[in-house]
């Protein structure tokens, strides 16, 4: 258990520190109002600040408190399961890293710093990218691995309520007594 916790928090803190360092580097070396092209038509660096949530929606000082509350909530959700796979733990760590990186900006600056521009997506930062990567990883894991228990792996017998035949049409397939 300690190994999983160390992996989870170590990954989250390292990636969050990388995000804060990348934002600091970008904001100290790039000029406001200019766009630096890295890959024409695909990847640019452009400074922006965000006082709201995604895409600057709903600007408010309340997001600092919401971000601060999200950090222990995310950790609790991903660490309470003793059967979580390494992939699920890594995805949770990325989600936590994104929350910590943006919460750090909100707590120290009052806004989030964005500097990556991939048209047509609005400006974002490394924290946003890893948070979304963690969510995408969990969604993909859900599609690729079904955790539902198999009661009877064999086919249903003809004439049974769940055989998929004509007698099933219009029937409720919920739990049966």
C-alpha atoms as a PDB file:
ATOM      1  CA  UNK A   1       0.000   0.000   0.000  1.00  0.00           C
ATOM      2  CA  UNK A   2       2.806   2.428   0.799  1.00  0.00           C
ATOM      3  CA  UNK A   3       4.344   1.751  -2.621  1.00  0.00           C
ATOM      4  CA  UNK A   4       1.130   2.736  -4.394  1.00  0.00           C
ATOM      5  CA  UNK A   5       0.758   5.892  -2.283  1.00  0.00           C
ATOM      6  CA  UNK A   6       4.386   6.853  -2.947  1.00  0.00           C
ATOM      7  CA  UNK A   7       3.944   6.297  -6.669  1.00  0.00           C
ATOM      8  CA  UNK A   8       0.681   8.267  -6.689  1.00  0.00           C
ATOM      9  CA  UNK A   9       1.886  11.303  -4.738  1.00  0.00           C
ATOM     10  CA  UNK A  10       5.419  11.214  -6.186  1.00  0.00           C
ATOM     11  CA  UNK A  11       4.088  11.277  -9.755  1.00  0.00           C
ATOM     12  CA  UNK A  12       1.485  13.952  -8.975  1.00  0.00           C
ATOM     13  CA  UNK A  13       3.962  16.274  -7.246  1.00  0.00           C
ATOM     14  CA  UNK A  14       6.687  15.804  -9.879  1.00  0.00           C
ATOM     15  CA  UNK A  15       4.308  16.548 -12.767  1.00  0.00           C
ATOM     16  CA  UNK A  16       2.756  19.514 -10.889  1.00  0.00           C
ATOM     17  CA  UNK A  17       6.260  20.919 -10.262  1.00  0.00           C
ATOM     18  CA  UNK A  18       7.076  20.473 -13.955  1.00  0.00           C
ATOM     19  CA  UNK A  19       3.887  22.383 -14.840  1.00  0.00           C
ATOM     20  CA  UNK A  20       4.696  25.284 -12.502  1.00  0.00           C
ATOM     21  CA  UNK A  21       8.278  25.404 -13.811  1.00  0.00           C
ATOM     22  CA  UNK A  22       7.100  25.373 -17.450  1.00  0.00           C
ATOM     23  CA  UNK A  23       4.637  28.212 -16.786  1.00  0.00           C
ATOM     24  CA  UNK A  24       7.299  30.221 -14.982  1.00  0.00           C
ATOM     25  CA  UNK A  25       9.763  29.685 -17.822  1.00  0.00           C
ATOM     26  CA  UNK A  26       7.216  30.639 -20.469  1.00  0.00           C
ATOM     27  CA  UNK A  27       6.074  33.767 -18.633  1.00  0.00           C
ATOM     28  CA  UNK A  28       9.642  34.918 -17.981  1.00  0.00           C
ATOM     29  CA  UNK A  29      10.927  34.392 -21.542  1.00  0.00           C
ATOM     30  CA  UNK A  30       7.959  35.135 -23.816  1.00  0.00           C
ATOM     31  CA  UNK A  31       6.455  38.549 -24.492  1.00  0.00           C
ATOM     32  CA  UNK A  32       2.790  39.291 -23.898  1.00  0.00           C
ATOM     33  CA  UNK A  33       0.808  39.799 -27.100  1.00  0.00           C
ATOM     34  CA  UNK A  34       3.175  37.798 -29.307  1.00  0.00           C
ATOM     35  CA  UNK A  35       2.881  34.289 -30.683  1.00  0.00           C
ATOM     36  CA  UNK A  36       5.920  32.065 -31.095  1.00  0.00           C
ATOM     37  CA  UNK A  37       5.421  29.350 -33.704  1.00  0.00           C
ATOM     38  CA  UNK A  38       7.006  25.982 -32.964  1.00  0.00           C
ATOM     39  CA  UNK A  39       5.238  23.891 -35.612  1.00  0.00           C
ATOM     40  CA  UNK A  40       3.453  26.044 -38.245  1.00  0.00           C
ATOM     41  CA  UNK A  41      -0.319  25.623 -38.093  1.00  0.00           C
ATOM     42  CA  UNK A  42      -0.092  23.137 -35.218  1.00  0.00           C
ATOM     43  CA  UNK A  43       1.791  24.308 -32.114  1.00  0.00           C
ATOM     44  CA  UNK A  44       2.416  27.833 -30.860  1.00  0.00           C
ATOM     45  CA  UNK A  45       3.398  29.503 -27.593  1.00  0.00           C
ATOM     46  CA  UNK A  46       1.249  32.459 -26.559  1.00  0.00           C
ATOM     47  CA  UNK A  47       0.805  33.898 -23.073  1.00  0.00           C
ATOM     48  CA  UNK A  48      -2.694  34.118 -21.602  1.00  0.00           C
ATOM     49  CA  UNK A  49      -4.192  34.302 -18.132  1.00  0.00           C
ATOM     50  CA  UNK A  50      -7.413  32.728 -16.972  1.00  0.00           C
ATOM     51  CA  UNK A  51      -9.433  33.757 -13.905  1.00  0.00           C
ATOM     52  CA  UNK A  52     -12.240  31.296 -14.624  1.00  0.00           C
ATOM     53  CA  UNK A  53     -12.434  27.597 -15.354  1.00  0.00           C
ATOM     54  CA  UNK A  54     -11.993  25.944 -18.760  1.00  0.00           C
ATOM     55  CA  UNK A  55     -11.733  28.517 -21.562  1.00  0.00           C
ATOM     56  CA  UNK A  56     -12.067  31.353 -19.032  1.00  0.00           C
ATOM     57  CA  UNK A  57     -15.705  30.579 -18.240  1.00  0.00           C
ATOM     58  CA  UNK A  58     -17.232  31.841 -14.980  1.00  0.00           C
ATOM     59  CA  UNK A  59     -14.387  34.028 -13.658  1.00  0.00           C
ATOM     60  CA  UNK A  60     -14.529  34.092  -9.859  1.00  0.00           C
ATOM     61  CA  UNK A  61     -12.318  34.001  -6.799  1.00  0.00           C
ATOM     62  CA  UNK A  62     -14.286  30.967  -5.626  1.00  0.00           C
ATOM     63  CA  UNK A  63     -12.267  28.720  -7.945  1.00  0.00           C
ATOM     64  CA  UNK A  64      -9.319  28.926  -5.538  1.00  0.00           C
ATOM     65  CA  UNK A  65     -11.397  27.298  -2.806  1.00  0.00           C
ATOM     66  CA  UNK A  66     -12.901  24.783  -5.194  1.00  0.00           C
ATOM     67  CA  UNK A  67      -9.411  23.879  -6.462  1.00  0.00           C
ATOM     68  CA  UNK A  68      -8.136  23.537  -2.894  1.00  0.00           C
ATOM     69  CA  UNK A  69     -11.047  21.259  -2.011  1.00  0.00           C
ATOM     70  CA  UNK A  70     -10.557  19.183  -5.170  1.00  0.00           C
ATOM     71  CA  UNK A  71      -7.003  18.138  -4.301  1.00  0.00           C
ATOM     72  CA  UNK A  72      -7.793  15.936  -1.250  1.00  0.00           C
ATOM     73  CA  UNK A  73     -11.010  14.759  -2.887  1.00  0.00           C
ATOM     74  CA  UNK A  74      -9.133  13.501  -5.974  1.00  0.00           C
ATOM     75  CA  UNK A  75      -6.491  11.823  -3.807  1.00  0.00           C
ATOM     76  CA  UNK A  76      -9.166  10.136  -1.691  1.00  0.00           C
ATOM     77  CA  UNK A  77     -11.061   8.830  -4.700  1.00  0.00           C
ATOM     78  CA  UNK A  78      -8.011   7.232  -6.275  1.00  0.00           C
ATOM     79  CA  UNK A  79      -6.385   5.907  -3.114  1.00  0.00           C
ATOM     80  CA  UNK A  80      -9.431   4.359  -1.436  1.00  0.00           C
ATOM     81  CA  UNK A  81      -9.495   1.420  -3.849  1.00  0.00           C
ATOM     82  CA  UNK A  82      -7.073  -1.316  -2.869  1.00  0.00           C
ATOM     83  CA  UNK A  83      -7.534  -3.050  -6.236  1.00  0.00           C
ATOM     84  CA  UNK A  84      -6.693  -0.112  -8.535  1.00  0.00           C
ATOM     85  CA  UNK A  85      -4.303  -1.049 -11.323  1.00  0.00           C
ATOM     86  CA  UNK A  86      -1.022   0.770 -11.924  1.00  0.00           C
ATOM     87  CA  UNK A  87      -2.635   2.472 -14.954  1.00  0.00           C
ATOM     88  CA  UNK A  88      -5.603   3.703 -12.898  1.00  0.00           C
ATOM     89  CA  UNK A  89      -3.260   4.989 -10.199  1.00  0.00           C
ATOM     90  CA  UNK A  90      -1.127   6.774 -12.821  1.00  0.00           C
ATOM     91  CA  UNK A  91      -4.204   8.368 -14.398  1.00  0.00           C
ATOM     92  CA  UNK A  92      -5.345   9.532 -10.972  1.00  0.00           C
ATOM     93  CA  UNK A  93      -1.891  10.984 -10.312  1.00  0.00           C
ATOM     94  CA  UNK A  94      -2.079  12.948 -13.589  1.00  0.00           C
ATOM     95  CA  UNK A  95      -5.515  14.302 -12.677  1.00  0.00           C
ATOM     96  CA  UNK A  96      -4.197  15.303  -9.255  1.00  0.00           C
ATOM     97  CA  UNK A  97      -1.093  16.902 -10.834  1.00  0.00           C
ATOM     98  CA  UNK A  98      -3.284  19.048 -13.074  1.00  0.00           C
ATOM     99  CA  UNK A  99      -5.419  20.122 -10.131  1.00  0.00           C
ATOM    100  CA  UNK A 100      -2.351  20.963  -8.023  1.00  0.00           C
ATOM    101  CA  UNK A 101      -0.621  22.882 -10.841  1.00  0.00           C
ATOM    102  CA  UNK A 102      -3.608  25.106 -11.505  1.00  0.00           C
ATOM    103  CA  UNK A 103      -4.457  25.447  -7.783  1.00  0.00           C
ATOM    104  CA  UNK A 104      -0.889  26.674  -7.193  1.00  0.00           C
ATOM    105  CA  UNK A 105      -1.370  29.441  -9.753  1.00  0.00           C
ATOM    106  CA  UNK A 106      -4.745  30.417  -8.295  1.00  0.00           C
ATOM    107  CA  UNK A 107      -3.330  30.515  -4.743  1.00  0.00           C
ATOM    108  CA  UNK A 108      -0.159  32.464  -5.583  1.00  0.00           C
ATOM    109  CA  UNK A 109      -1.298  34.683  -8.471  1.00  0.00           C
ATOM    110  CA  UNK A 110      -5.099  34.750  -8.397  1.00  0.00           C
ATOM    111  CA  UNK A 111      -5.296  33.369 -11.946  1.00  0.00           C
ATOM    112  CA  UNK A 112      -4.019  30.455 -14.024  1.00  0.00           C
ATOM    113  CA  UNK A 113      -1.216  30.956 -16.547  1.00  0.00           C
ATOM    114  CA  UNK A 114      -1.712  29.399 -19.994  1.00  0.00           C
ATOM    115  CA  UNK A 115       0.908  29.382 -22.728  1.00  0.00           C
ATOM    116  CA  UNK A 116       0.335  26.496 -25.161  1.00  0.00           C
ATOM    117  CA  UNK A 117      -1.768  27.163 -28.256  1.00  0.00           C
ATOM    118  CA  UNK A 118      -2.945  24.399 -30.584  1.00  0.00           C
ATOM    119  CA  UNK A 119      -5.500  25.944 -32.970  1.00  0.00           C
ATOM    120  CA  UNK A 120      -8.501  25.841 -32.724  1.00  0.00           C
ATOM    121  CA  UNK A 121      -8.252  24.938 -29.003  1.00  0.00           C
ATOM    122  CA  UNK A 122      -7.982  27.945 -26.651  1.00  0.00           C
ATOM    123  CA  UNK A 123      -4.690  28.439 -24.778  1.00  0.00           C
ATOM    124  CA  UNK A 124      -3.889  25.853 -22.117  1.00  0.00           C
ATOM    125  CA  UNK A 125      -0.979  24.716 -19.959  1.00  0.00           C
ATOM    126  CA  UNK A 126       0.745  21.486 -18.995  1.00  0.00           C
ATOM    127  CA  UNK A 127      -1.593  21.009 -15.994  1.00  0.00           C
ATOM    128  CA  UNK A 128      -4.619  21.112 -18.309  1.00  0.00           C
ATOM    129  CA  UNK A 129      -2.956  18.653 -20.698  1.00  0.00           C
ATOM    130  CA  UNK A 130      -2.063  16.058 -18.034  1.00  0.00           C
ATOM    131  CA  UNK A 131      -5.453  16.388 -16.339  1.00  0.00           C
ATOM    132  CA  UNK A 132      -7.175  15.640 -19.648  1.00  0.00           C
ATOM    133  CA  UNK A 133      -4.709  12.821 -20.395  1.00  0.00           C
ATOM    134  CA  UNK A 134      -5.577  11.228 -17.042  1.00  0.00           C
ATOM    135  CA  UNK A 135      -9.298  11.466 -17.752  1.00  0.00           C
ATOM    136  CA  UNK A 136      -8.825  10.090 -21.282  1.00  0.00           C
ATOM    137  CA  UNK A 137      -6.750   7.206 -19.895  1.00  0.00           C
ATOM    138  CA  UNK A 138      -9.494   6.263 -17.446  1.00  0.00           C
ATOM    139  CA  UNK A 139     -12.171   6.439 -20.145  1.00  0.00           C
ATOM    140  CA  UNK A 140     -10.049   4.282 -22.466  1.00  0.00           C
ATOM    141  CA  UNK A 141      -9.405   1.819 -19.626  1.00  0.00           C
ATOM    142  CA  UNK A 142     -13.159   1.611 -19.050  1.00  0.00           C
ATOM    143  CA  UNK A 143     -13.789   0.792 -22.698  1.00  0.00           C
ATOM    144  CA  UNK A 144     -11.023  -1.796 -22.913  1.00  0.00           C
ATOM    145  CA  UNK A 145     -11.635  -3.595 -19.641  1.00  0.00           C
ATOM    146  CA  UNK A 146     -15.090  -4.495 -18.387  1.00  0.00           C
ATOM    147  CA  UNK A 147     -15.093  -5.065 -14.615  1.00  0.00           C
ATOM    148  CA  UNK A 148     -18.595  -6.540 -14.424  1.00  0.00           C
ATOM    149  CA  UNK A 149     -18.747 -10.046 -12.944  1.00  0.00           C
ATOM    150  CA  UNK A 150     -19.763 -12.862 -15.240  1.00  0.00           C
ATOM    151  CA  UNK A 151     -22.495 -14.973 -13.657  1.00  0.00           C
ATOM    152  CA  UNK A 152     -22.765 -17.654 -16.310  1.00  0.00           C
ATOM    153  CA  UNK A 153     -20.368 -17.358 -19.229  1.00  0.00           C
ATOM    154  CA  UNK A 154     -22.406 -19.756 -21.369  1.00  0.00           C
ATOM    155  CA  UNK A 155     -25.139 -18.726 -23.814  1.00  0.00           C
ATOM    156  CA  UNK A 156     -28.716 -18.276 -22.586  1.00  0.00           C
ATOM    157  CA  UNK A 157     -31.026 -21.195 -23.156  1.00  0.00           C
ATOM    158  CA  UNK A 158     -33.750 -20.689 -25.763  1.00  0.00           C
ATOM    159  CA  UNK A 159     -37.000 -19.465 -24.280  1.00  0.00           C
ATOM    160  CA  UNK A 160     -35.319 -17.856 -21.264  1.00  0.00           C
ATOM    161  CA  UNK A 161     -36.131 -14.192 -20.428  1.00  0.00           C
ATOM    162  CA  UNK A 162     -32.679 -13.021 -21.529  1.00  0.00           C
ATOM    163  CA  UNK A 163     -32.155 -15.110 -24.668  1.00  0.00           C
ATOM    164  CA  UNK A 164     -32.601 -12.159 -27.032  1.00  0.00           C
ATOM    165  CA  UNK A 165     -35.366 -13.942 -28.928  1.00  0.00           C
ATOM    166  CA  UNK A 166     -38.793 -12.709 -29.965  1.00  0.00           C
ATOM    167  CA  UNK A 167     -40.239 -13.158 -26.479  1.00  0.00           C
ATOM    168  CA  UNK A 168     -37.722 -10.521 -25.271  1.00  0.00           C
ATOM    169  CA  UNK A 169     -39.124  -7.719 -27.434  1.00  0.00           C
ATOM    170  CA  UNK A 170     -40.395  -4.856 -25.289  1.00  0.00           C
ATOM    171  CA  UNK A 171     -39.490  -6.543 -22.014  1.00  0.00           C
ATOM    172  CA  UNK A 172     -37.701  -4.851 -19.165  1.00  0.00           C
ATOM    173  CA  UNK A 173     -34.229  -6.384 -18.827  1.00  0.00           C
ATOM    174  CA  UNK A 174     -33.636  -5.081 -15.308  1.00  0.00           C
ATOM    175  CA  UNK A 175     -32.982  -7.245 -12.248  1.00  0.00           C
ATOM    176  CA  UNK A 176     -35.349 -10.142 -11.773  1.00  0.00           C
ATOM    177  CA  UNK A 177     -36.636 -11.398  -8.389  1.00  0.00           C
END
